[in-house]
Amino acid sequence: MPQHKSAAKRVRQTEKKRVSNRLHRSRLRTMMKKLRSSETKDEAGSLLNEAKAYLDRLASKRIIHRNKAANYKSELERHVNTL
């Protein structure tokens, strides 16, 4: 248990951020699964643009590291190119 007011506030803030980050990561994973399971190149292309934009957004907010976002984008582009 926190002993100071500032520590208690930090606990509250951290919990809020944790829930928010979890939501974003979950949404990202769902988008990636959907893209990987797509059959046509047209469908995958539109999903790829959505996923790349979302990855950039998460990287700019520092929810995920920018290099991790770049790795994900590269991996997804390679998948779409193989279709």
N, C-alpha and C. Protein backbone atom coordinates (compact mmCIF):
# COMPACT_ATOMS: atom_id res chain seq x y z
N MET A 1 0.83 -1.19 0.00
CA MET A 1 0.00 0.00 0.00
C MET A 1 0.88 1.25 0.00
N PRO A 2 0.49 2.25 -0.78
CA PRO A 2 1.26 3.49 -0.82
C PRO A 2 1.15 4.25 0.50
N GLN A 3 2.27 4.83 0.89
CA GLN A 3 2.32 5.55 2.16
C GLN A 3 2.14 7.06 1.97
N HIS A 4 2.26 7.54 0.76
CA HIS A 4 2.18 8.98 0.49
C HIS A 4 1.08 9.26 -0.53
N LYS A 5 0.58 10.49 -0.51
CA LYS A 5 -0.46 10.89 -1.46
C LYS A 5 0.01 10.75 -2.90
N SER A 6 1.24 11.17 -3.13
CA SER A 6 1.76 11.13 -4.50
C SER A 6 1.90 9.69 -4.98
N ALA A 7 2.27 8.79 -4.08
CA ALA A 7 2.39 7.38 -4.45
C ALA A 7 1.02 6.79 -4.76
N ALA A 8 0.01 7.18 -3.98
CA ALA A 8 -1.35 6.70 -4.23
C ALA A 8 -1.83 7.19 -5.59
N LYS A 9 -1.53 8.43 -5.91
CA LYS A 9 -1.93 8.99 -7.20
C LYS A 9 -1.21 8.25 -8.33
N ARG A 10 0.06 7.96 -8.13
CA ARG A 10 0.82 7.24 -9.14
C ARG A 10 0.21 5.85 -9.38
N VAL A 11 -0.25 5.20 -8.33
CA VAL A 11 -0.89 3.88 -8.47
C VAL A 11 -2.15 4.01 -9.32
N ARG A 12 -2.94 5.03 -9.05
CA ARG A 12 -4.18 5.24 -9.83
C ARG A 12 -3.86 5.51 -11.30
N GLN A 13 -2.88 6.38 -11.54
CA GLN A 13 -2.52 6.72 -12.92
C GLN A 13 -1.98 5.50 -13.67
N THR A 14 -1.14 4.74 -12.99
CA THR A 14 -0.54 3.57 -13.62
C THR A 14 -1.61 2.55 -14.01
N GLU A 15 -2.59 2.36 -13.14
CA GLU A 15 -3.66 1.40 -13.43
C GLU A 15 -4.47 1.86 -14.64
N LYS A 16 -4.76 3.17 -14.71
CA LYS A 16 -5.50 3.71 -15.86
C LYS A 16 -4.73 3.48 -17.15
N LYS A 17 -3.44 3.77 -17.11
CA LYS A 17 -2.59 3.60 -18.30
C LYS A 17 -2.50 2.13 -18.69
N ARG A 18 -2.38 1.25 -17.70
CA ARG A 18 -2.25 -0.18 -17.97
C ARG A 18 -3.48 -0.70 -18.71
N VAL A 19 -4.65 -0.29 -18.27
CA VAL A 19 -5.89 -0.73 -18.92
C VAL A 19 -5.97 -0.19 -20.34
N SER A 20 -5.60 1.07 -20.51
CA SER A 20 -5.63 1.70 -21.83
C SER A 20 -4.65 1.02 -22.78
N ASN A 21 -3.42 0.79 -22.31
CA ASN A 21 -2.41 0.15 -23.15
C ASN A 21 -2.82 -1.26 -23.53
N ARG A 22 -3.44 -1.96 -22.60
CA ARG A 22 -3.89 -3.31 -22.86
C ARG A 22 -4.95 -3.34 -23.96
N LEU A 23 -5.85 -2.38 -23.91
CA LEU A 23 -6.88 -2.26 -24.94
C LEU A 23 -6.25 -2.04 -26.32
N HIS A 24 -5.29 -1.12 -26.37
CA HIS A 24 -4.63 -0.81 -27.65
C HIS A 24 -3.88 -2.02 -28.19
N ARG A 25 -3.14 -2.70 -27.32
CA ARG A 25 -2.38 -3.86 -27.78
C ARG A 25 -3.30 -4.98 -28.25
N SER A 26 -4.41 -5.16 -27.55
CA SER A 26 -5.37 -6.19 -27.93
C SER A 26 -5.96 -5.87 -29.30
N ARG A 27 -6.32 -4.60 -29.51
CA ARG A 27 -6.88 -4.20 -30.80
C ARG A 27 -5.86 -4.42 -31.91
N LEU A 28 -4.61 -4.11 -31.64
CA LEU A 28 -3.56 -4.29 -32.64
C LEU A 28 -3.41 -5.77 -32.99
N ARG A 29 -3.38 -6.63 -31.99
CA ARG A 29 -3.24 -8.06 -32.25
C ARG A 29 -4.41 -8.59 -33.07
N THR A 30 -5.61 -8.10 -32.78
CA THR A 30 -6.79 -8.52 -33.53
C THR A 30 -6.66 -8.09 -35.00
N MET A 31 -6.22 -6.85 -35.21
CA MET A 31 -6.04 -6.36 -36.58
C MET A 31 -5.03 -7.22 -37.34
N MET A 32 -3.94 -7.58 -36.66
CA MET A 32 -2.90 -8.36 -37.30
C MET A 32 -3.40 -9.77 -37.64
N LYS A 33 -4.16 -10.38 -36.73
CA LYS A 33 -4.72 -11.71 -37.00
C LYS A 33 -5.67 -11.67 -38.19
N LYS A 34 -6.49 -10.62 -38.23
CA LYS A 34 -7.44 -10.47 -39.33
C LYS A 34 -6.70 -10.33 -40.66
N LEU A 35 -5.63 -9.56 -40.67
CA LEU A 35 -4.85 -9.36 -41.89
C LEU A 35 -4.20 -10.67 -42.33
N ARG A 36 -3.64 -11.40 -41.37
CA ARG A 36 -2.96 -12.66 -41.72
C ARG A 36 -3.93 -13.71 -42.25
N SER A 37 -5.18 -13.65 -41.81
CA SER A 37 -6.15 -14.66 -42.25
C SER A 37 -6.88 -14.25 -43.53
N SER A 38 -6.63 -13.05 -44.03
CA SER A 38 -7.33 -12.61 -45.25
C SER A 38 -6.83 -13.40 -46.45
N GLU A 39 -7.74 -13.62 -47.39
CA GLU A 39 -7.45 -14.46 -48.55
C GLU A 39 -7.05 -13.66 -49.78
N THR A 40 -7.75 -12.55 -50.03
CA THR A 40 -7.49 -11.78 -51.25
C THR A 40 -6.50 -10.65 -50.99
N LYS A 41 -5.80 -10.29 -52.04
CA LYS A 41 -4.79 -9.23 -51.92
C LYS A 41 -5.45 -7.86 -51.71
N ASP A 42 -6.62 -7.64 -52.32
CA ASP A 42 -7.31 -6.36 -52.16
C ASP A 42 -7.74 -6.15 -50.72
N GLU A 43 -8.35 -7.18 -50.15
CA GLU A 43 -8.79 -7.10 -48.75
C GLU A 43 -7.59 -6.90 -47.83
N ALA A 44 -6.53 -7.66 -48.09
CA ALA A 44 -5.32 -7.55 -47.26
C ALA A 44 -4.69 -6.18 -47.39
N GLY A 45 -4.74 -5.60 -48.58
CA GLY A 45 -4.17 -4.27 -48.79
C GLY A 45 -4.85 -3.20 -47.96
N SER A 46 -6.18 -3.25 -47.93
CA SER A 46 -6.90 -2.25 -47.13
C SER A 46 -6.66 -2.47 -45.64
N LEU A 47 -6.63 -3.74 -45.22
CA LEU A 47 -6.34 -4.03 -43.82
C LEU A 47 -4.92 -3.63 -43.44
N LEU A 48 -4.01 -3.77 -44.40
CA LEU A 48 -2.61 -3.38 -44.16
C LEU A 48 -2.51 -1.88 -43.89
N ASN A 49 -3.21 -1.08 -44.70
CA ASN A 49 -3.16 0.36 -44.50
C ASN A 49 -3.70 0.75 -43.12
N GLU A 50 -4.78 0.10 -42.71
CA GLU A 50 -5.34 0.36 -41.38
C GLU A 50 -4.35 0.00 -40.28
N ALA A 51 -3.76 -1.18 -40.42
CA ALA A 51 -2.83 -1.66 -39.40
C ALA A 51 -1.59 -0.78 -39.31
N LYS A 52 -1.08 -0.35 -40.48
CA LYS A 52 0.11 0.51 -40.47
C LYS A 52 -0.18 1.85 -39.81
N ALA A 53 -1.34 2.41 -40.10
CA ALA A 53 -1.71 3.68 -39.48
C ALA A 53 -1.83 3.52 -37.97
N TYR A 54 -2.43 2.42 -37.53
CA TYR A 54 -2.60 2.19 -36.10
C TYR A 54 -1.25 1.96 -35.42
N LEU A 55 -0.37 1.22 -36.09
CA LEU A 55 0.98 1.01 -35.55
C LEU A 55 1.71 2.34 -35.38
N ASP A 56 1.61 3.21 -36.39
CA ASP A 56 2.26 4.51 -36.30
C ASP A 56 1.70 5.33 -35.15
N ARG A 57 0.39 5.25 -34.95
CA ARG A 57 -0.25 5.98 -33.87
C ARG A 57 0.25 5.48 -32.51
N LEU A 58 0.32 4.15 -32.36
CA LEU A 58 0.78 3.58 -31.10
C LEU A 58 2.25 3.91 -30.84
N ALA A 59 3.04 3.92 -31.90
CA ALA A 59 4.46 4.24 -31.75
C ALA A 59 4.65 5.70 -31.37
N SER A 60 3.85 6.58 -31.94
CA SER A 60 4.00 8.00 -31.63
C SER A 60 3.57 8.31 -30.19
N LYS A 61 2.60 7.50 -29.68
CA LYS A 61 2.18 7.67 -28.28
C LYS A 61 3.05 6.87 -27.32
N ARG A 62 4.04 6.16 -27.86
CA ARG A 62 4.97 5.35 -27.10
C ARG A 62 4.31 4.21 -26.35
N ILE A 63 3.24 3.69 -26.92
CA ILE A 63 2.61 2.50 -26.35
C ILE A 63 3.44 1.29 -26.74
N ILE A 64 3.95 1.31 -27.98
CA ILE A 64 4.94 0.31 -28.39
C ILE A 64 6.15 1.07 -28.93
N HIS A 65 7.28 0.41 -28.96
CA HIS A 65 8.51 1.04 -29.43
C HIS A 65 8.45 1.23 -30.94
N ARG A 66 9.06 2.29 -31.43
CA ARG A 66 8.98 2.59 -32.87
C ARG A 66 9.64 1.51 -33.72
N ASN A 67 10.70 0.88 -33.20
CA ASN A 67 11.33 -0.20 -33.96
C ASN A 67 10.43 -1.44 -34.02
N LYS A 68 9.71 -1.70 -32.94
CA LYS A 68 8.77 -2.81 -32.92
C LYS A 68 7.67 -2.57 -33.94
N ALA A 69 7.20 -1.33 -34.01
CA ALA A 69 6.18 -0.98 -35.00
C ALA A 69 6.71 -1.19 -36.41
N ALA A 70 7.96 -0.80 -36.64
CA ALA A 70 8.57 -0.97 -37.96
C ALA A 70 8.70 -2.45 -38.31
N ASN A 71 9.06 -3.27 -37.32
CA ASN A 71 9.18 -4.71 -37.55
C ASN A 71 7.83 -5.33 -37.90
N TYR A 72 6.80 -4.92 -37.17
CA TYR A 72 5.46 -5.43 -37.46
C TYR A 72 5.03 -5.03 -38.87
N LYS A 73 5.26 -3.75 -39.23
CA LYS A 73 4.84 -3.28 -40.56
C LYS A 73 5.56 -4.06 -41.65
N SER A 74 6.84 -4.28 -41.46
CA SER A 74 7.61 -5.03 -42.44
C SER A 74 7.09 -6.45 -42.59
N GLU A 75 6.83 -7.10 -41.47
CA GLU A 75 6.32 -8.47 -41.49
C GLU A 75 4.97 -8.55 -42.20
N LEU A 76 4.08 -7.60 -41.91
CA LEU A 76 2.75 -7.61 -42.52
C LEU A 76 2.84 -7.32 -44.02
N GLU A 77 3.72 -6.40 -44.41
CA GLU A 77 3.88 -6.10 -45.84
C GLU A 77 4.39 -7.32 -46.59
N ARG A 78 5.34 -8.04 -45.99
CA ARG A 78 5.84 -9.25 -46.63
C ARG A 78 4.73 -10.28 -46.81
N HIS A 79 3.86 -10.38 -45.81
CA HIS A 79 2.74 -11.32 -45.91
C HIS A 79 1.81 -10.93 -47.06
N VAL A 80 1.50 -9.65 -47.16
CA VAL A 80 0.59 -9.19 -48.22
C VAL A 80 1.22 -9.40 -49.60
N ASN A 81 2.52 -9.20 -49.70
CA ASN A 81 3.19 -9.36 -50.99
C ASN A 81 3.23 -10.83 -51.44
N THR A 82 3.14 -11.76 -50.50
CA THR A 82 3.15 -13.17 -50.89
C THR A 82 1.79 -13.64 -51.39
N LEU A 83 0.74 -12.85 -51.14
CA LEU A 83 -0.60 -13.25 -51.59
C LEU A 83 -0.74 -13.16 -53.10
